[in-house]
Amino acid sequence: MSRWLTPQSLPNDPTSGGPKVFAAGLWRCATSSLQIAFEEILTPPLRPSMHGVYVLTSVPRLKLCVRACRETSKPKRQALLRQIFTGYNASSDYPGMAFADDLIEMYPDMKIVLNKRKTAEAWAKSANDTLHIFSTWRYAICCWMIPTCYWHWRVYREYANLARRRFGKDIDTWSPEYYDVHNEWVREVARKHGREVLEWEPTMGWESLCTFLGVEVPEVKFPRVNDTQEINSLRGYIFRSGLATWVVLFVGLGCLWYGVRRWV
């Protein structure tokens, strides 16, 4: 079964003071490949590495992310983020990408990698083909009665609201323009804090990444994880499950109505 469908245990390193490496690029920018690289291949391993897969199957974690997106008080928001990231030694994907400004401020020794796609258009196509559906009202209505799916939808909606507060009310978080705006924001925040950023694409492999992190280059090839098929399977599974809950509800209501009509 897909790791996106299987409830994930929430790993925790009690010795960790927070992420040592932060991949600040948007989802669909080799975030799963980086998670595997951080957790399983680098020496020493940066395990665990925060990633959306640890959030999606946990309603409490989804709720915590929604609260962080909604919180406008920086001290309160950063307190929520410490709950999310304490015990993790690296981060890629959501929720980290949504809070680059906070994480860069909170963890002054953390290395910053800006993971990218070849073009903004390539990113937008990938994001729209796979993830956009989970932010729509169609998804919300279909899966309203499944708590994990409802809070999954809320994560996307609140992230979009956060982006509008940050970049202006007309920003479209699924557009090529947003990719460029997000990446420039990461660069700007890093400059403000006097931090170095490695701009990296998957085709660059290990060399520049390992040099930047100060670790040895592994003998194996850089992992190429493509979640597209898994995410599309997840989408079909969730919509079927959502429709099934509505069928059960209406059948139950129909039986109740029939029973009332029969005996009244």
Protein backbone atom coordinates (compact mmCIF):
# COMPACT_ATOMS: atom_id res chain seq x y z
CA MET A 1 0.00 0.00 0.00
CA SER A 2 1.17 3.57 -0.76
CA ARG A 3 2.97 5.33 2.07
CA TRP A 4 0.48 8.17 1.51
CA LEU A 5 -2.34 5.83 2.57
CA THR A 6 -0.59 3.93 5.35
CA PRO A 7 -0.69 5.61 8.79
CA GLN A 8 2.89 6.70 9.47
CA SER A 9 4.41 6.46 12.90
CA LEU A 10 5.69 9.87 13.89
CA PRO A 11 9.43 9.36 14.33
CA ASN A 12 11.29 11.41 16.85
CA ASP A 13 14.95 11.81 17.73
CA PRO A 14 15.06 12.90 21.39
CA THR A 15 18.63 14.17 20.90
CA SER A 16 17.66 16.51 18.05
CA GLY A 17 17.56 20.24 18.64
CA GLY A 18 15.68 20.78 15.37
CA PRO A 19 16.45 20.51 11.66
CA LYS A 20 20.11 20.65 10.63
CA VAL A 21 19.18 20.88 6.95
CA PHE A 22 16.14 22.58 5.45
CA ALA A 23 15.02 22.08 1.85
CA ALA A 24 12.97 25.26 1.44
CA GLY A 25 11.64 24.69 -2.08
CA LEU A 26 8.00 24.03 -2.86
CA TRP A 27 6.34 20.63 -3.00
CA ARG A 28 6.94 18.81 -6.30
CA CYS A 29 10.59 19.92 -6.22
CA ALA A 30 12.23 16.53 -5.49
CA THR A 31 11.06 16.72 -1.88
CA SER A 32 10.53 12.96 -1.54
CA SER A 33 13.90 12.23 -3.13
CA LEU A 34 15.53 14.59 -0.65
CA GLN A 35 13.69 12.98 2.26
CA ILE A 36 15.02 9.55 1.24
CA ALA A 37 18.49 10.99 0.71
CA PHE A 38 18.50 12.67 4.13
CA GLU A 39 17.03 9.74 6.05
CA GLU A 40 18.53 6.68 4.40
CA ILE A 41 21.63 7.47 2.37
CA LEU A 42 23.70 10.33 3.77
CA THR A 43 26.33 9.55 6.40
CA PRO A 44 25.53 10.35 9.12
CA PRO A 45 21.82 10.05 8.27
CA LEU A 46 19.59 13.03 8.96
CA ARG A 47 16.81 10.91 10.34
CA PRO A 48 13.95 11.66 10.68
CA SER A 49 13.31 14.26 7.99
CA MET A 50 10.01 16.13 8.19
CA HIS A 51 7.87 15.66 5.07
CA GLY A 52 4.21 15.84 4.15
CA VAL A 53 3.92 12.07 4.40
CA TYR A 54 4.34 12.35 8.19
CA VAL A 55 1.53 14.91 8.30
CA LEU A 56 -1.09 13.54 5.91
CA THR A 57 -2.08 10.45 7.89
CA SER A 58 -2.21 12.18 11.30
CA VAL A 59 -5.26 14.30 12.11
CA PRO A 60 -3.57 15.90 15.18
CA ARG A 61 -0.56 16.83 13.04
CA LEU A 62 -2.81 18.21 10.28
CA LYS A 63 -4.66 20.32 12.84
CA LEU A 64 -1.38 21.63 14.23
CA CYS A 65 -0.29 22.69 10.74
CA VAL A 66 -3.61 24.45 10.15
CA ARG A 67 -3.20 26.32 13.44
CA ALA A 68 0.33 27.36 12.47
CA CYS A 69 -0.87 28.67 9.09
CA ARG A 70 -3.63 30.69 10.74
CA GLU A 71 -1.54 32.09 13.59
CA THR A 72 -0.46 35.70 12.94
CA SER A 73 1.47 36.14 16.20
CA LYS A 74 5.08 35.18 15.50
CA PRO A 75 5.88 33.94 19.05
CA LYS A 76 2.73 31.77 19.11
CA ARG A 77 3.33 30.49 15.58
CA GLN A 78 6.93 29.59 16.33
CA ALA A 79 5.81 27.77 19.47
CA LEU A 80 3.52 25.66 17.28
CA LEU A 81 6.36 25.05 14.82
CA ARG A 82 8.61 23.82 17.62
CA GLN A 83 5.95 21.24 18.43
CA ILE A 84 6.00 20.13 14.79
CA PHE A 85 9.76 20.13 14.16
CA THR A 86 11.31 19.16 17.49
CA GLY A 87 12.79 15.70 17.10
CA TYR A 88 13.43 16.07 13.36
CA ASN A 89 16.92 16.45 11.90
CA ALA A 90 15.96 17.70 8.43
CA SER A 91 12.97 18.94 6.48
CA SER A 92 11.70 18.95 2.91
CA ASP A 93 8.21 19.49 1.47
CA TYR A 94 5.27 20.80 3.52
CA PRO A 95 5.05 21.99 6.26
CA GLY A 96 8.61 23.33 6.26
CA MET A 97 8.35 25.14 2.92
CA ALA A 98 5.40 27.19 4.24
CA PHE A 99 7.39 28.60 7.16
CA ALA A 100 10.85 29.28 5.74
CA ASP A 101 11.05 32.68 7.44
CA ASP A 102 10.28 31.24 10.87
CA LEU A 103 12.51 28.18 10.54
CA ILE A 104 15.49 30.20 9.29
CA GLU A 105 15.11 32.48 12.31
CA MET A 106 14.48 29.66 14.80
CA TYR A 107 17.42 27.46 13.77
CA PRO A 108 20.46 29.70 13.09
CA ASP A 109 22.84 26.79 12.40
CA MET A 110 20.53 25.06 9.92
CA LYS A 111 21.78 24.62 6.35
CA ILE A 112 19.39 25.97 3.71
CA VAL A 113 18.86 24.25 0.36
CA LEU A 114 16.57 25.82 -2.24
CA ASN A 115 15.41 22.79 -4.19
CA LYS A 116 14.05 23.75 -7.61
CA ARG A 117 12.56 22.52 -10.89
CA LYS A 118 13.98 23.34 -14.31
CA THR A 119 11.33 26.02 -14.89
CA ALA A 120 8.43 27.64 -13.09
CA GLU A 121 6.10 26.26 -15.77
CA ALA A 122 7.34 22.70 -15.16
CA TRP A 123 6.65 23.10 -11.45
CA ALA A 124 3.15 24.52 -12.01
CA LYS A 125 2.20 21.69 -14.38
CA SER A 126 3.42 19.06 -11.93
CA ALA A 127 1.66 20.68 -8.96
CA ASN A 128 -1.60 21.14 -10.83
CA ASP A 129 -1.56 17.63 -12.27
CA THR A 130 -1.11 16.00 -8.86
CA LEU A 131 -1.92 18.16 -5.83
CA HIS A 132 -4.29 20.94 -6.88
CA ILE A 133 -7.38 18.72 -6.67
CA PHE A 134 -6.89 18.40 -2.90
CA SER A 135 -7.45 22.16 -2.48
CA THR A 136 -10.81 22.23 -4.28
CA TRP A 137 -14.35 22.36 -2.96
CA ARG A 138 -15.09 19.24 -5.01
CA TYR A 139 -12.60 17.35 -2.83
CA ALA A 140 -13.95 18.92 0.36
CA ILE A 141 -17.58 18.07 -0.40
CA CYS A 142 -16.82 14.54 -1.56
CA CYS A 143 -14.66 13.70 1.47
CA TRP A 144 -16.24 15.94 4.11
CA MET A 145 -17.07 13.07 6.47
CA ILE A 146 -13.57 11.55 6.48
CA PRO A 147 -11.61 13.49 9.15
CA THR A 148 -8.16 12.96 7.61
CA CYS A 149 -9.36 14.16 4.22
CA TYR A 150 -11.22 17.15 5.64
CA TRP A 151 -8.14 18.35 7.52
CA HIS A 152 -5.96 17.58 4.50
CA TRP A 153 -8.15 19.96 2.48
CA ARG A 154 -7.94 22.56 5.27
CA VAL A 155 -4.14 22.43 5.12
CA TYR A 156 -4.20 23.46 1.45
CA ARG A 157 -6.78 26.19 2.02
CA GLU A 158 -4.98 27.69 5.00
CA TYR A 159 -1.65 27.54 3.20
CA ALA A 160 -3.22 29.54 0.35
CA ASN A 161 -4.55 32.07 2.88
CA LEU A 162 -1.09 32.34 4.43
CA ALA A 163 0.43 32.96 0.99
CA ARG A 164 -2.11 35.72 0.30
CA ARG A 165 -1.27 37.45 3.57
CA ARG A 166 2.42 37.15 2.74
CA PHE A 167 2.46 38.05 -0.96
CA GLY A 168 -0.84 39.80 -1.68
CA LYS A 169 -4.46 38.76 -2.09
CA ASP A 170 -4.17 38.11 -5.84
CA ILE A 171 -1.45 35.45 -5.56
CA ASP A 172 -2.32 32.05 -7.04
CA THR A 173 -0.39 29.34 -5.23
CA TRP A 174 -0.66 27.00 -8.24
CA SER A 175 0.74 29.41 -10.84
CA PRO A 176 4.25 29.64 -12.35
CA GLU A 177 4.47 33.13 -10.86
CA TYR A 178 4.05 31.73 -7.37
CA TYR A 179 7.03 29.43 -7.85
CA ASP A 180 9.22 32.44 -8.66
CA VAL A 181 7.77 34.53 -5.83
CA HIS A 182 8.33 31.77 -3.27
CA ASN A 183 11.93 31.14 -4.33
CA GLU A 184 12.79 34.83 -4.26
CA TRP A 185 11.21 35.10 -0.80
CA VAL A 186 13.45 32.28 0.47
CA ARG A 187 16.52 34.06 -0.94
CA GLU A 188 15.42 37.34 0.62
CA VAL A 189 14.82 35.84 4.06
CA ALA A 190 18.19 34.08 3.96
CA ARG A 191 19.96 37.33 2.95
CA LYS A 192 18.25 39.17 5.79
CA HIS A 193 19.68 36.66 8.27
CA GLY A 194 23.11 36.50 6.60
CA ARG A 195 22.65 32.86 5.62
CA GLU A 196 24.05 30.97 2.64
CA VAL A 197 21.66 29.14 0.33
CA LEU A 198 22.49 26.26 -2.00
CA GLU A 199 20.28 26.42 -5.09
CA TRP A 200 19.94 22.83 -6.20
CA GLU A 201 18.15 20.72 -8.81
CA PRO A 202 17.93 16.90 -8.90
CA THR A 203 20.06 16.72 -12.05
CA MET A 204 22.95 18.14 -10.00
CA GLY A 205 23.08 14.92 -7.96
CA TRP A 206 25.17 14.53 -4.82
CA GLU A 207 28.32 16.57 -5.40
CA SER A 208 27.23 20.13 -4.66
CA LEU A 209 24.75 19.01 -2.01
CA CYS A 210 27.30 16.99 -0.05
CA THR A 211 29.96 19.69 -0.37
CA PHE A 212 27.49 22.22 1.03
CA LEU A 213 26.52 19.91 3.90
CA GLY A 214 30.12 18.92 4.62
CA VAL A 215 29.53 15.18 4.24
CA GLU A 216 30.99 12.48 2.02
CA VAL A 217 29.47 11.79 -1.39
CA PRO A 218 27.62 8.42 -1.24
CA GLU A 219 28.65 5.70 -3.64
CA VAL A 220 25.06 5.13 -4.79
CA LYS A 221 23.22 7.34 -7.25
CA PHE A 222 21.01 10.12 -5.96
CA PRO A 223 17.49 8.67 -5.40
CA ARG A 224 14.85 9.47 -7.97
CA VAL A 225 11.47 9.24 -6.27
CA ASN A 226 8.48 10.16 -8.43
CA ASP A 227 5.31 10.29 -6.34
CA THR A 228 3.01 11.10 -9.28
CA GLN A 229 1.58 7.61 -9.68
CA GLU A 230 1.16 7.14 -5.92
CA ILE A 231 -0.56 10.51 -5.54
CA ASN A 232 -2.90 9.79 -8.44
CA SER A 233 -3.75 6.41 -6.88
CA LEU A 234 -4.33 8.19 -3.57
CA ARG A 235 -6.68 10.63 -5.27
CA GLY A 236 -8.78 7.83 -6.75
CA TYR A 237 -8.88 5.92 -3.48
CA ILE A 238 -9.92 8.98 -1.48
CA PHE A 239 -12.69 9.98 -3.90
CA ARG A 240 -14.07 6.43 -3.94
CA SER A 241 -13.99 6.38 -0.13
CA GLY A 242 -15.68 9.77 0.06
CA LEU A 243 -18.46 8.77 -2.32
CA ALA A 244 -18.94 5.53 -0.38
CA THR A 245 -19.52 7.48 2.85
CA TRP A 246 -22.22 9.56 1.14
CA VAL A 247 -23.86 6.41 -0.23
CA VAL A 248 -23.90 4.86 3.25
CA LEU A 249 -25.36 8.07 4.68
CA PHE A 250 -28.16 8.32 2.13
CA VAL A 251 -28.95 4.61 2.34
CA GLY A 252 -29.15 4.96 6.13
CA LEU A 253 -31.41 8.00 5.84
CA GLY A 254 -33.54 6.18 3.29
CA CYS A 255 -33.95 3.20 5.60
CA LEU A 256 -34.84 5.51 8.48
CA TRP A 257 -37.42 7.35 6.37
CA TYR A 258 -38.89 4.05 5.20
CA GLY A 259 -39.09 2.78 8.78
CA VAL A 260 -40.79 5.94 10.00
CA ARG A 261 -43.28 5.86 7.14
CA ARG A 262 -44.00 2.20 7.78
CA TRP A 263 -44.72 2.52 11.49
CA VAL A 264 -46.20 5.99 11.82
